[in-house]
Amino acid sequence: MRRGLEAFLCDTQGSPDQGHDSAHDVVRGDPESYGLDANPLDSAIAEALQTMLAGDPEARIVLLTPATTAQPEYRFLPEYGESAAENWVFRIIAPASWPFLQWAIVDPRGERPAYSYLFD
């Protein structure tokens, strides 16, 4: 879970094969909306994302499994079809402050770096 959260907070490329936007990319593209200066440091972006999660009373990180994806609120699997049988797939949810579907994908064997991306 730590690696998935770090992928969400850090300057990652989003999905490596598709180049989909990460949360970091979204904040960098419109930093003023997140209370940052026009050209924020990576550390400031990570802090803004962390503050956003910490300040949302409904924020949660959910491991997607057959049991969780059977629940309507967790039914959306990663856009690029990453397998929950081969990866740890987390949904990052912060409804009060992050209106996107957000996933963090972690290779449990550690052979590939963790990454996180969103769908708007």
PDB file of N, CA and C in Angstrom:
ATOM      1  N   MET A   1       0.826  -1.186   0.000  1.00  0.00           N
ATOM      2  CA  MET A   1       0.000   0.000   0.000  1.00  0.00           C
ATOM      3  C   MET A   1       0.876   1.257   0.000  1.00  0.00           C
ATOM      4  N   ARG A   2       1.981   1.195   0.743  1.00  0.00           N
ATOM      5  CA  ARG A   2       2.885   2.338   0.797  1.00  0.00           C
ATOM      6  C   ARG A   2       3.395   2.687  -0.594  1.00  0.00           C
ATOM      7  N   ARG A   3       3.783   1.698  -1.381  1.00  0.00           N
ATOM      8  CA  ARG A   3       4.290   1.965  -2.730  1.00  0.00           C
ATOM      9  C   ARG A   3       3.204   2.565  -3.617  1.00  0.00           C
ATOM     10  N   GLY A   4       1.967   2.130  -3.468  1.00  0.00           N
ATOM     11  CA  GLY A   4       0.871   2.708  -4.234  1.00  0.00           C
ATOM     12  C   GLY A   4       0.619   4.154  -3.857  1.00  0.00           C
ATOM     13  N   LEU A   5       0.658   4.445  -2.571  1.00  0.00           N
ATOM     14  CA  LEU A   5       0.461   5.821  -2.105  1.00  0.00           C
ATOM     15  C   LEU A   5       1.611   6.709  -2.574  1.00  0.00           C
ATOM     16  N   GLU A   6       2.838   6.206  -2.508  1.00  0.00           N
ATOM     17  CA  GLU A   6       3.979   6.979  -3.001  1.00  0.00           C
ATOM     18  C   GLU A   6       3.836   7.263  -4.496  1.00  0.00           C
ATOM     19  N   ALA A   7       3.338   6.295  -5.265  1.00  0.00           N
ATOM     20  CA  ALA A   7       3.137   6.506  -6.706  1.00  0.00           C
ATOM     21  C   ALA A   7       2.113   7.614  -6.945  1.00  0.00           C
ATOM     22  N   PHE A   8       1.095   7.678  -6.110  1.00  0.00           N
ATOM     23  CA  PHE A   8       0.086   8.730  -6.219  1.00  0.00           C
ATOM     24  C   PHE A   8       0.690  10.097  -5.903  1.00  0.00           C
ATOM     25  N   LEU A   9       1.528  10.173  -4.876  1.00  0.00           N
ATOM     26  CA  LEU A   9       2.051  11.447  -4.403  1.00  0.00           C
ATOM     27  C   LEU A   9       3.240  11.966  -5.217  1.00  0.00           C
ATOM     28  N   CYS A  10       3.950  11.092  -5.877  1.00  0.00           N
ATOM     29  CA  CYS A  10       5.204  11.477  -6.529  1.00  0.00           C
ATOM     30  C   CYS A  10       5.030  11.780  -8.008  1.00  0.00           C
ATOM     31  N   ASP A  11       6.089  12.301  -8.576  1.00  0.00           N
ATOM     32  CA  ASP A  11       6.109  12.654  -9.995  1.00  0.00           C
ATOM     33  C   ASP A  11       6.367  11.395 -10.819  1.00  0.00           C
ATOM     34  N   THR A  12       5.335  10.590 -10.998  1.00  0.00           N
ATOM     35  CA  THR A  12       5.438   9.404 -11.842  1.00  0.00           C
ATOM     36  C   THR A  12       4.800   9.709 -13.178  1.00  0.00           C
ATOM     37  N   GLN A  13       4.983   8.839 -14.135  1.00  0.00           N
ATOM     38  CA  GLN A  13       4.466   9.083 -15.476  1.00  0.00           C
ATOM     39  C   GLN A  13       3.033   8.633 -15.655  1.00  0.00           C
ATOM     40  N   GLY A  14       2.367   8.212 -14.622  1.00  0.00           N
ATOM     41  CA  GLY A  14       1.063   7.608 -14.829  1.00  0.00           C
ATOM     42  C   GLY A  14       1.268   6.216 -15.368  1.00  0.00           C
ATOM     43  N   SER A  15       0.377   5.721 -16.167  1.00  0.00           N
ATOM     44  CA  SER A  15       0.545   4.375 -16.707  1.00  0.00           C
ATOM     45  C   SER A  15       1.720   4.366 -17.679  1.00  0.00           C
ATOM     46  N   PRO A  16       2.697   3.502 -17.471  1.00  0.00           N
ATOM     47  CA  PRO A  16       3.917   3.566 -18.270  1.00  0.00           C
ATOM     48  C   PRO A  16       3.710   3.251 -19.752  1.00  0.00           C
ATOM     49  N   ASP A  17       2.814   2.370 -20.068  1.00  0.00           N
ATOM     50  CA  ASP A  17       2.604   2.007 -21.469  1.00  0.00           C
ATOM     51  C   ASP A  17       1.734   3.019 -22.206  1.00  0.00           C
ATOM     52  N   GLN A  18       0.841   3.670 -21.499  1.00  0.00           N
ATOM     53  CA  GLN A  18      -0.118   4.562 -22.121  1.00  0.00           C
ATOM     54  C   GLN A  18       0.198   6.041 -21.905  1.00  0.00           C
ATOM     55  N   GLY A  19       1.039   6.352 -20.920  1.00  0.00           N
ATOM     56  CA  GLY A  19       1.366   7.742 -20.647  1.00  0.00           C
ATOM     57  C   GLY A  19       0.210   8.538 -20.073  1.00  0.00           C
ATOM     58  N   HIS A  20      -0.721   7.862 -19.421  1.00  0.00           N
ATOM     59  CA  HIS A  20      -1.878   8.529 -18.839  1.00  0.00           C
ATOM     60  C   HIS A  20      -1.428   9.442 -17.703  1.00  0.00           C
ATOM     61  N   ASP A  21      -2.164  10.509 -17.466  1.00  0.00           N
ATOM     62  CA  ASP A  21      -1.783  11.488 -16.457  1.00  0.00           C
ATOM     63  C   ASP A  21      -1.795  10.910 -15.045  1.00  0.00           C
ATOM     64  N   SER A  22      -0.799  11.324 -14.301  1.00  0.00           N
ATOM     65  CA  SER A  22      -0.769  11.025 -12.877  1.00  0.00           C
ATOM     66  C   SER A  22      -1.425  12.185 -12.135  1.00  0.00           C
ATOM     67  N   ALA A  23      -1.660  12.006 -10.836  1.00  0.00           N
ATOM     68  CA  ALA A  23      -2.193  13.091 -10.018  1.00  0.00           C
ATOM     69  C   ALA A  23      -1.224  14.273 -10.026  1.00  0.00           C
ATOM     70  N   HIS A  24       0.040  13.967  -9.996  1.00  0.00           N
ATOM     71  CA  HIS A  24       1.083  14.996 -10.034  1.00  0.00           C
ATOM     72  C   HIS A  24       0.942  15.849 -11.290  1.00  0.00           C
ATOM     73  N   ASP A  25       0.697  15.213 -12.438  1.00  0.00           N
ATOM     74  CA  ASP A  25       0.522  15.938 -13.706  1.00  0.00           C
ATOM     75  C   ASP A  25      -0.674  16.880 -13.648  1.00  0.00           C
ATOM     76  N   VAL A  26      -1.761  16.402 -13.051  1.00  0.00           N
ATOM     77  CA  VAL A  26      -2.977  17.218 -12.958  1.00  0.00           C
ATOM     78  C   VAL A  26      -2.717  18.468 -12.118  1.00  0.00           C
ATOM     79  N   VAL A  27      -2.072  18.295 -10.987  1.00  0.00           N
ATOM     80  CA  VAL A  27      -1.788  19.442 -10.119  1.00  0.00           C
ATOM     81  C   VAL A  27      -0.794  20.381 -10.798  1.00  0.00           C
ATOM     82  N   ARG A  28       0.231  19.833 -11.438  1.00  0.00           N
ATOM     83  CA  ARG A  28       1.210  20.692 -12.136  1.00  0.00           C
ATOM     84  C   ARG A  28       0.526  21.488 -13.248  1.00  0.00           C
ATOM     85  N   GLY A  29      -0.492  20.922 -13.889  1.00  0.00           N
ATOM     86  CA  GLY A  29      -1.191  21.609 -14.963  1.00  0.00           C
ATOM     87  C   GLY A  29      -2.090  22.744 -14.511  1.00  0.00           C
ATOM     88  N   ASP A  30      -2.476  22.756 -13.243  1.00  0.00           N
ATOM     89  CA  ASP A  30      -3.356  23.801 -12.718  1.00  0.00           C
ATOM     90  C   ASP A  30      -3.044  24.029 -11.234  1.00  0.00           C
ATOM     91  N   PRO A  31      -1.820  24.435 -10.919  1.00  0.00           N
ATOM     92  CA  PRO A  31      -1.404  24.502  -9.517  1.00  0.00           C
ATOM     93  C   PRO A  31      -2.198  25.480  -8.664  1.00  0.00           C
ATOM     94  N   GLU A  32      -2.678  26.560  -9.268  1.00  0.00           N
ATOM     95  CA  GLU A  32      -3.425  27.543  -8.488  1.00  0.00           C
ATOM     96  C   GLU A  32      -4.698  26.940  -7.898  1.00  0.00           C
ATOM     97  N   SER A  33      -5.306  25.997  -8.596  1.00  0.00           N
ATOM     98  CA  SER A  33      -6.522  25.348  -8.090  1.00  0.00           C
ATOM     99  C   SER A  33      -6.251  24.524  -6.835  1.00  0.00           C
ATOM    100  N   TYR A  34      -4.993  24.210  -6.604  1.00  0.00           N
ATOM    101  CA  TYR A  34      -4.617  23.411  -5.438  1.00  0.00           C
ATOM    102  C   TYR A  34      -3.853  24.242  -4.414  1.00  0.00           C
ATOM    103  N   GLY A  35      -3.957  25.585  -4.548  1.00  0.00           N
ATOM    104  CA  GLY A  35      -3.347  26.479  -3.585  1.00  0.00           C
ATOM    105  C   GLY A  35      -1.848  26.631  -3.726  1.00  0.00           C
ATOM    106  N   LEU A  36      -1.316  26.366  -4.915  1.00  0.00           N
ATOM    107  CA  LEU A  36       0.124  26.434  -5.127  1.00  0.00           C
ATOM    108  C   LEU A  36       0.491  27.585  -6.049  1.00  0.00           C
ATOM    109  N   ASP A  37       1.756  27.965  -6.016  1.00  0.00           N
ATOM    110  CA  ASP A  37       2.275  28.972  -6.941  1.00  0.00           C
ATOM    111  C   ASP A  37       2.238  28.431  -8.366  1.00  0.00           C
ATOM    112  N   ALA A  38       2.458  29.309  -9.321  1.00  0.00           N
ATOM    113  CA  ALA A  38       2.356  28.950 -10.733  1.00  0.00           C
ATOM    114  C   ALA A  38       3.374  27.893 -11.165  1.00  0.00           C
ATOM    115  N   ASN A  39       4.521  27.819 -10.518  1.00  0.00           N
ATOM    116  CA  ASN A  39       5.550  26.849 -10.884  1.00  0.00           C
ATOM    117  C   ASN A  39       6.027  26.117  -9.624  1.00  0.00           C
ATOM    118  N   PRO A  40       5.207  25.223  -9.081  1.00  0.00           N
ATOM    119  CA  PRO A  40       5.529  24.603  -7.792  1.00  0.00           C
ATOM    120  C   PRO A  40       6.631  23.541  -7.905  1.00  0.00           C
ATOM    121  N   LEU A  41       7.336  23.360  -6.816  1.00  0.00           N
ATOM    122  CA  LEU A  41       8.304  22.275  -6.702  1.00  0.00           C
ATOM    123  C   LEU A  41       7.555  20.949  -6.608  1.00  0.00           C
ATOM    124  N   ASP A  42       8.208  19.875  -6.993  1.00  0.00           N
ATOM    125  CA  ASP A  42       7.603  18.544  -6.878  1.00  0.00           C
ATOM    126  C   ASP A  42       7.184  18.249  -5.442  1.00  0.00           C
ATOM    127  N   SER A  43       8.011  18.672  -4.496  1.00  0.00           N
ATOM    128  CA  SER A  43       7.696  18.430  -3.088  1.00  0.00           C
ATOM    129  C   SER A  43       6.432  19.179  -2.666  1.00  0.00           C
ATOM    130  N   ALA A  44       6.201  20.357  -3.217  1.00  0.00           N
ATOM    131  CA  ALA A  44       4.991  21.119  -2.893  1.00  0.00           C
ATOM    132  C   ALA A  44       3.761  20.430  -3.468  1.00  0.00           C
ATOM    133  N   ILE A  45       3.898  19.859  -4.651  1.00  0.00           N
ATOM    134  CA  ILE A  45       2.774  19.124  -5.254  1.00  0.00           C
ATOM    135  C   ILE A  45       2.446  17.899  -4.410  1.00  0.00           C
ATOM    136  N   ALA A  46       3.466  17.157  -4.017  1.00  0.00           N
ATOM    137  CA  ALA A  46       3.244  15.973  -3.173  1.00  0.00           C
ATOM    138  C   ALA A  46       2.576  16.360  -1.862  1.00  0.00           C
ATOM    139  N   GLU A  47       3.018  17.460  -1.274  1.00  0.00           N
ATOM    140  CA  GLU A  47       2.424  17.918  -0.015  1.00  0.00           C
ATOM    141  C   GLU A  47       0.962  18.326  -0.215  1.00  0.00           C
ATOM    142  N   ALA A  48       0.655  18.989  -1.338  1.00  0.00           N
ATOM    143  CA  ALA A  48      -0.734  19.389  -1.615  1.00  0.00           C
ATOM    144  C   ALA A  48      -1.622  18.162  -1.770  1.00  0.00           C
ATOM    145  N   LEU A  49      -1.134  17.126  -2.457  1.00  0.00           N
ATOM    146  CA  LEU A  49      -1.918  15.904  -2.619  1.00  0.00           C
ATOM    147  C   LEU A  49      -2.115  15.197  -1.278  1.00  0.00           C
ATOM    148  N   GLN A  50      -1.063  15.164  -0.473  1.00  0.00           N
ATOM    149  CA  GLN A  50      -1.164  14.532   0.839  1.00  0.00           C
ATOM    150  C   GLN A  50      -2.143  15.287   1.730  1.00  0.00           C
ATOM    151  N   THR A  51      -2.092  16.609   1.701  1.00  0.00           N
ATOM    152  CA  THR A  51      -3.008  17.438   2.484  1.00  0.00           C
ATOM    153  C   THR A  51      -4.444  17.224   2.025  1.00  0.00           C
ATOM    154  N   MET A  52      -4.623  17.097   0.714  1.00  0.00           N
ATOM    155  CA  MET A  52      -5.955  16.857   0.163  1.00  0.00           C
ATOM    156  C   MET A  52      -6.527  15.540   0.709  1.00  0.00           C
ATOM    157  N   LEU A  53      -5.725  14.482   0.678  1.00  0.00           N
ATOM    158  CA  LEU A  53      -6.197  13.194   1.204  1.00  0.00           C
ATOM    159  C   LEU A  53      -6.481  13.277   2.699  1.00  0.00           C
ATOM    160  N   ALA A  54      -5.568  13.882   3.443  1.00  0.00           N
ATOM    161  CA  ALA A  54      -5.723  13.966   4.893  1.00  0.00           C
ATOM    162  C   ALA A  54      -6.916  14.817   5.298  1.00  0.00           C
ATOM    163  N   GLY A  55      -7.264  15.803   4.475  1.00  0.00           N
ATOM    164  CA  GLY A  55      -8.357  16.704   4.807  1.00  0.00           C
ATOM    165  C   GLY A  55      -9.728  16.242   4.354  1.00  0.00           C
ATOM    166  N   ASP A  56      -9.787  15.127   3.655  1.00  0.00           N
ATOM    167  CA  ASP A  56     -11.072  14.619   3.161  1.00  0.00           C
ATOM    168  C   ASP A  56     -11.554  13.515   4.090  1.00  0.00           C
ATOM    169  N   PRO A  57     -12.617  13.760   4.855  1.00  0.00           N
ATOM    170  CA  PRO A  57     -13.068  12.764   5.827  1.00  0.00           C
ATOM    171  C   PRO A  57     -13.552  11.462   5.188  1.00  0.00           C
ATOM    172  N   GLU A  58     -13.838  11.482   3.892  1.00  0.00           N
ATOM    173  CA  GLU A  58     -14.286  10.265   3.214  1.00  0.00           C
ATOM    174  C   GLU A  58     -13.182   9.622   2.375  1.00  0.00           C
ATOM    175  N   ALA A  59     -11.957  10.126   2.481  1.00  0.00           N
ATOM    176  CA  ALA A  59     -10.848   9.573   1.704  1.00  0.00           C
ATOM    177  C   ALA A  59     -10.555   8.150   2.164  1.00  0.00           C
ATOM    178  N   ARG A  60     -10.217   7.326   1.182  1.00  0.00           N
ATOM    179  CA  ARG A  60      -9.854   5.948   1.487  1.00  0.00           C
ATOM    180  C   ARG A  60      -9.037   5.380   0.333  1.00  0.00           C
ATOM    181  N   ILE A  61      -8.277   4.368   0.647  1.00  0.00           N
ATOM    182  CA  ILE A  61      -7.523   3.617  -0.343  1.00  0.00           C
ATOM    183  C   ILE A  61      -7.991   2.183  -0.217  1.00  0.00           C
ATOM    184  N   VAL A  62      -8.513   1.649  -1.320  1.00  0.00           N
ATOM    185  CA  VAL A  62      -9.161   0.343  -1.292  1.00  0.00           C
ATOM    186  C   VAL A  62      -8.417  -0.617  -2.214  1.00  0.00           C
ATOM    187  N   LEU A  63      -8.037  -1.767  -1.685  1.00  0.00           N
ATOM    188  CA  LEU A  63      -7.453  -2.816  -2.501  1.00  0.00           C
ATOM    189  C   LEU A  63      -8.578  -3.476  -3.286  1.00  0.00           C
ATOM    190  N   LEU A  64      -8.444  -3.494  -4.611  1.00  0.00           N
ATOM    191  CA  LEU A  64      -9.475  -4.102  -5.442  1.00  0.00           C
ATOM    192  C   LEU A  64      -9.276  -5.620  -5.491  1.00  0.00           C
ATOM    193  N   THR A  65     -10.289  -6.312  -5.046  1.00  0.00           N
ATOM    194  CA  THR A  65     -10.325  -7.770  -5.023  1.00  0.00           C
ATOM    195  C   THR A  65     -11.674  -8.190  -5.598  1.00  0.00           C
ATOM    196  N   PRO A  66     -11.890  -9.481  -5.823  1.00  0.00           N
ATOM    197  CA  PRO A  66     -13.229  -9.882  -6.267  1.00  0.00           C
ATOM    198  C   PRO A  66     -14.333  -9.413  -5.310  1.00  0.00           C
ATOM    199  N   ALA A  67     -14.056  -9.412  -4.016  1.00  0.00           N
ATOM    200  CA  ALA A  67     -15.069  -8.982  -3.047  1.00  0.00           C
ATOM    201  C   ALA A  67     -15.334  -7.483  -3.125  1.00  0.00           C
ATOM    202  N   THR A  68     -14.281  -6.674  -3.231  1.00  0.00           N
ATOM    203  CA  THR A  68     -14.516  -5.230  -3.275  1.00  0.00           C
ATOM    204  C   THR A  68     -15.118  -4.804  -4.600  1.00  0.00           C
ATOM    205  N   THR A  69     -14.693  -5.401  -5.713  1.00  0.00           N
ATOM    206  CA  THR A  69     -15.234  -4.983  -7.014  1.00  0.00           C
ATOM    207  C   THR A  69     -16.669  -5.443  -7.209  1.00  0.00           C
ATOM    208  N   ALA A  70     -17.157  -6.324  -6.353  1.00  0.00           N
ATOM    209  CA  ALA A  70     -18.572  -6.704  -6.391  1.00  0.00           C
ATOM    210  C   ALA A  70     -19.451  -5.601  -5.804  1.00  0.00           C
ATOM    211  N   GLN A  71     -18.849  -4.677  -5.072  1.00  0.00           N
ATOM    212  CA  GLN A  71     -19.582  -3.547  -4.512  1.00  0.00           C
ATOM    213  C   GLN A  71     -19.665  -2.443  -5.566  1.00  0.00           C
ATOM    214  N   PRO A  72     -20.836  -1.865  -5.776  1.00  0.00           N
ATOM    215  CA  PRO A  72     -21.013  -0.881  -6.850  1.00  0.00           C
ATOM    216  C   PRO A  72     -20.013   0.275  -6.828  1.00  0.00           C
ATOM    217  N   GLU A  73     -19.657   0.768  -5.662  1.00  0.00           N
ATOM    218  CA  GLU A  73     -18.760   1.928  -5.612  1.00  0.00           C
ATOM    219  C   GLU A  73     -17.321   1.599  -6.008  1.00  0.00           C
ATOM    220  N   TYR A  74     -16.959   0.329  -6.055  1.00  0.00           N
ATOM    221  CA  TYR A  74     -15.592  -0.068  -6.417  1.00  0.00           C
ATOM    222  C   TYR A  74     -15.534  -0.860  -7.720  1.00  0.00           C
ATOM    223  N   ARG A  75     -16.593  -0.836  -8.492  1.00  0.00           N
ATOM    224  CA  ARG A  75     -16.688  -1.681  -9.677  1.00  0.00           C
ATOM    225  C   ARG A  75     -15.764  -1.256 -10.817  1.00  0.00           C
ATOM    226  N   PHE A  76     -15.280  -0.024 -10.792  1.00  0.00           N
ATOM    227  CA  PHE A  76     -14.459   0.466 -11.888  1.00  0.00           C
ATOM    228  C   PHE A  76     -13.025  -0.037 -11.750  1.00  0.00           C
ATOM    229  N   LEU A  77     -12.633  -0.888 -12.686  1.00  0.00           N
ATOM    230  CA  LEU A  77     -11.280  -1.425 -12.714  1.00  0.00           C
ATOM    231  C   LEU A  77     -10.376  -0.475 -13.493  1.00  0.00           C
ATOM    232  N   PRO A  78      -9.062  -0.654 -13.398  1.00  0.00           N
ATOM    233  CA  PRO A  78      -8.151   0.251 -14.107  1.00  0.00           C
ATOM    234  C   PRO A  78      -8.465   0.344 -15.592  1.00  0.00           C
ATOM    235  N   GLU A  79      -8.352   1.532 -16.101  1.00  0.00           N
ATOM    236  CA  GLU A  79      -8.717   1.820 -17.484  1.00  0.00           C
ATOM    237  C   GLU A  79      -7.931   0.989 -18.493  1.00  0.00           C
ATOM    238  N   TYR A  80      -6.678   0.684 -18.178  1.00  0.00           N
ATOM    239  CA  TYR A  80      -5.849  -0.051 -19.123  1.00  0.00           C
ATOM    240  C   TYR A  80      -5.785  -1.542 -18.828  1.00  0.00           C
ATOM    241  N   GLY A  81      -6.695  -2.023 -18.003  1.00  0.00           N
ATOM    242  CA  GLY A  81      -6.873  -3.456 -17.820  1.00  0.00           C
ATOM    243  C   GLY A  81      -5.828  -4.163 -16.981  1.00  0.00           C
ATOM    244  N   GLU A  82      -5.094  -3.435 -16.164  1.00  0.00           N
ATOM    245  CA  GLU A  82      -4.136  -4.113 -15.295  1.00  0.00           C
ATOM    246  C   GLU A  82      -4.875  -5.139 -14.436  1.00  0.00           C
ATOM    247  N   SER A  83      -4.325  -6.301 -14.348  1.00  0.00           N
ATOM    248  CA  SER A  83      -4.966  -7.420 -13.660  1.00  0.00           C
ATOM    249  C   SER A  83      -4.778  -7.327 -12.146  1.00  0.00           C
ATOM    250  N   ALA A  84      -5.884  -7.448 -11.422  1.00  0.00           N
ATOM    251  CA  ALA A  84      -5.818  -7.483  -9.965  1.00  0.00           C
ATOM    252  C   ALA A  84      -5.308  -8.831  -9.478  1.00  0.00           C
ATOM    253  N   ALA A  85      -5.274  -9.830 -10.363  1.00  0.00           N
ATOM    254  CA  ALA A  85      -4.704 -11.128 -10.006  1.00  0.00           C
ATOM    255  C   ALA A  85      -3.175 -11.088 -10.073  1.00  0.00           C
ATOM    256  N   GLU A  86      -2.621 -10.211 -10.907  1.00  0.00           N
ATOM    257  CA  GLU A  86      -1.173 -10.123 -11.076  1.00  0.00           C
ATOM    258  C   GLU A  86      -0.560  -8.937 -10.341  1.00  0.00           C
ATOM    259  N   ASN A  87      -1.382  -7.960  -9.967  1.00  0.00           N
ATOM    260  CA  ASN A  87      -0.913  -6.734  -9.314  1.00  0.00           C
ATOM    261  C   ASN A  87      -1.771  -6.451  -8.094  1.00  0.00           C
ATOM    262  N   TRP A  88      -1.231  -5.632  -7.228  1.00  0.00           N
ATOM    263  CA  TRP A  88      -2.071  -5.028  -6.207  1.00  0.00           C
ATOM    264  C   TRP A  88      -2.628  -3.770  -6.845  1.00  0.00           C
ATOM    265  N   VAL A  89      -3.927  -3.709  -6.984  1.00  0.00           N
ATOM    266  CA  VAL A  89      -4.588  -2.572  -7.618  1.00  0.00           C
ATOM    267  C   VAL A  89      -5.387  -1.854  -6.533  1.00  0.00           C
ATOM    268  N   PHE A  90      -5.036  -0.608  -6.313  1.00  0.00           N
ATOM    269  CA  PHE A  90      -5.706   0.206  -5.301  1.00  0.00           C
ATOM    270  C   PHE A  90      -6.525   1.296  -5.973  1.00  0.00           C
ATOM    271  N   ARG A  91      -7.705   1.559  -5.456  1.00  0.00           N
ATOM    272  CA  ARG A  91      -8.470   2.759  -5.820  1.00  0.00           C
ATOM    273  C   ARG A  91      -8.200   3.790  -4.747  1.00  0.00           C
ATOM    274  N   ILE A  92      -7.839   4.983  -5.173  1.00  0.00           N
ATOM    275  CA  ILE A  92      -7.626   6.095  -4.259  1.00  0.00           C
ATOM    276  C   ILE A  92      -8.829   7.013  -4.421  1.00  0.00           C
ATOM    277  N   ILE A  93      -9.551   7.186  -3.329  1.00  0.00           N
ATOM    278  CA  ILE A  93     -10.825   7.890  -3.374  1.00  0.00           C
ATOM    279  C   ILE A  93     -10.795   9.040  -2.370  1.00  0.00           C
ATOM    280  N   ALA A  94     -11.097  10.230  -2.860  1.00  0.00           N
ATOM    281  CA  ALA A  94     -11.215  11.415  -2.006  1.00  0.00           C
ATOM    282  C   ALA A  94     -12.345  12.260  -2.587  1.00  0.00           C
ATOM    283  N   PRO A  95     -13.584  11.874  -2.327  1.00  0.00           N
ATOM    284  CA  PRO A  95     -14.718  12.485  -3.030  1.00  0.00           C
ATOM    285  C   PRO A  95     -14.882  13.988  -2.822  1.00  0.00           C
ATOM    286  N   ALA A  96     -14.462  14.507  -1.698  1.00  0.00           N
ATOM    287  CA  ALA A  96     -14.645  15.944  -1.453  1.00  0.00           C
ATOM    288  C   ALA A  96     -13.635  16.797  -2.212  1.00  0.00           C
ATOM    289  N   SER A  97     -12.518  16.196  -2.632  1.00  0.00           N
ATOM    290  CA  SER A  97     -11.462  17.027  -3.201  1.00  0.00           C
ATOM    291  C   SER A  97     -10.832  16.484  -4.486  1.00  0.00           C
ATOM    292  N   TRP A  98     -11.130  15.274  -4.874  1.00  0.00           N
ATOM    293  CA  TRP A  98     -10.502  14.674  -6.063  1.00  0.00           C
ATOM    294  C   TRP A  98     -11.581  13.983  -6.877  1.00  0.00           C
ATOM    295  N   PRO A  99     -12.088  14.630  -7.927  1.00  0.00           N
ATOM    296  CA  PRO A  99     -13.260  14.111  -8.651  1.00  0.00           C
ATOM    297  C   PRO A  99     -12.944  13.009  -9.672  1.00  0.00           C
ATOM    298  N   PHE A 100     -11.727  12.483  -9.648  1.00  0.00           N
ATOM    299  CA  PHE A 100     -11.302  11.536 -10.670  1.00  0.00           C
ATOM    300  C   PHE A 100     -11.348  10.097 -10.170  1.00  0.00           C
ATOM    301  N   LEU A 101     -11.468   9.164 -11.118  1.00  0.00           N
ATOM    302  CA  LEU A 101     -11.195   7.765 -10.810  1.00  0.00           C
ATOM    303  C   LEU A 101      -9.678   7.646 -10.771  1.00  0.00           C
ATOM    304  N   GLN A 102      -9.130   7.165  -9.685  1.00  0.00           N
ATOM    305  CA  GLN A 102      -7.671   7.118  -9.504  1.00  0.00           C
ATOM    306  C   GLN A 102      -7.267   5.711  -9.072  1.00  0.00           C
ATOM    307  N   TRP A 103      -6.278   5.170  -9.759  1.00  0.00           N
ATOM    308  CA  TRP A 103      -5.757   3.856  -9.399  1.00  0.00           C
ATOM    309  C   TRP A 103      -4.269   3.955  -9.118  1.00  0.00           C
ATOM    310  N   ALA A 104      -3.794   3.084  -8.260  1.00  0.00           N
ATOM    311  CA  ALA A 104      -2.357   2.867  -8.055  1.00  0.00           C
ATOM    312  C   ALA A 104      -2.117   1.388  -8.313  1.00  0.00           C
ATOM    313  N   ILE A 105      -1.131   1.105  -9.151  1.00  0.00           N
ATOM    314  CA  ILE A 105      -0.830  -0.258  -9.561  1.00  0.00           C
ATOM    315  C   ILE A 105       0.535  -0.615  -9.001  1.00  0.00           C
ATOM    316  N   VAL A 106       0.587  -1.714  -8.241  1.00  0.00           N
ATOM    317  CA  VAL A 106       1.828  -2.137  -7.604  1.00  0.00           C
ATOM    318  C   VAL A 106       2.114  -3.581  -7.994  1.00  0.00           C
ATOM    319  N   ASP A 107       3.292  -3.822  -8.515  1.00  0.00           N
ATOM    320  CA  ASP A 107       3.747  -5.180  -8.814  1.00  0.00           C
ATOM    321  C   ASP A 107       4.208  -5.790  -7.493  1.00  0.00           C
ATOM    322  N   PRO A 108       3.522  -6.800  -6.971  1.00  0.00           N
ATOM    323  CA  PRO A 108       3.895  -7.348  -5.667  1.00  0.00           C
ATOM    324  C   PRO A 108       5.270  -8.017  -5.669  1.00  0.00           C
ATOM    325  N   ARG A 109       5.788  -8.376  -6.833  1.00  0.00           N
ATOM    326  CA  ARG A 109       7.115  -8.977  -6.933  1.00  0.00           C
ATOM    327  C   ARG A 109       8.214  -7.915  -6.968  1.00  0.00           C
ATOM    328  N   GLY A 110       7.820  -6.651  -7.177  1.00  0.00           N
ATOM    329  CA  GLY A 110       8.778  -5.563  -7.215  1.00  0.00           C
ATOM    330  C   GLY A 110       9.598  -5.498  -8.491  1.00  0.00           C
ATOM    331  N   GLU A 111       9.143  -6.185  -9.537  1.00  0.00           N
ATOM    332  CA  GLU A 111       9.889  -6.195 -10.799  1.00  0.00           C
ATOM    333  C   GLU A 111       9.649  -4.934 -11.625  1.00  0.00           C
ATOM    334  N   ARG A 112       8.509  -4.277 -11.413  1.00  0.00           N
ATOM    335  CA  ARG A 112       8.181  -3.034 -12.127  1.00  0.00           C
ATOM    336  C   ARG A 112       7.880  -1.962 -11.086  1.00  0.00           C
ATOM    337  N   PRO A 113       8.226  -0.730 -11.380  1.00  0.00           N
ATOM    338  CA  PRO A 113       7.904   0.345 -10.433  1.00  0.00           C
ATOM    339  C   PRO A 113       6.383   0.534 -10.311  1.00  0.00           C
ATOM    340  N   ALA A 114       5.957   0.933  -9.140  1.00  0.00           N
ATOM    341  CA  ALA A 114       4.552   1.259  -8.921  1.00  0.00           C
ATOM    342  C   ALA A 114       4.228   2.542  -9.684  1.00  0.00           C
ATOM    343  N   TYR A 115       2.971   2.668 -10.108  1.00  0.00           N
ATOM    344  CA  TYR A 115       2.540   3.879 -10.790  1.00  0.00           C
ATOM    345  C   TYR A 115       1.078   4.114 -10.460  1.00  0.00           C
ATOM    346  N   SER A 116       0.653   5.330 -10.733  1.00  0.00           N
ATOM    347  CA  SER A 116      -0.724   5.716 -10.436  1.00  0.00           C
ATOM    348  C   SER A 116      -1.223   6.596 -11.580  1.00  0.00           C
ATOM    349  N   TYR A 117      -2.470   6.422 -11.943  1.00  0.00           N
ATOM    350  CA  TYR A 117      -3.047   7.272 -12.990  1.00  0.00           C
ATOM    351  C   TYR A 117      -4.527   7.443 -12.735  1.00  0.00           C
ATOM    352  N   LEU A 118      -5.111   8.380 -13.494  1.00  0.00           N
ATOM    353  CA  LEU A 118      -6.509   8.714 -13.274  1.00  0.00           C
ATOM    354  C   LEU A 118      -7.283   8.665 -14.567  1.00  0.00           C
ATOM    355  N   PHE A 119      -8.570   8.657 -14.403  1.00  0.00           N
ATOM    356  CA  PHE A 119      -9.507   8.781 -15.519  1.00  0.00           C
ATOM    357  C   PHE A 119     -10.484   9.858 -15.133  1.00  0.00           C
ATOM    358  N   ASP A 120     -10.680  10.810 -16.034  1.00  0.00           N
ATOM    359  CA  ASP A 120     -11.579  11.938 -15.759  1.00  0.00           C
ATOM    360  C   ASP A 120     -12.917  11.672 -16.396  1.00  0.00           C
TER     361      ASP A 120
END
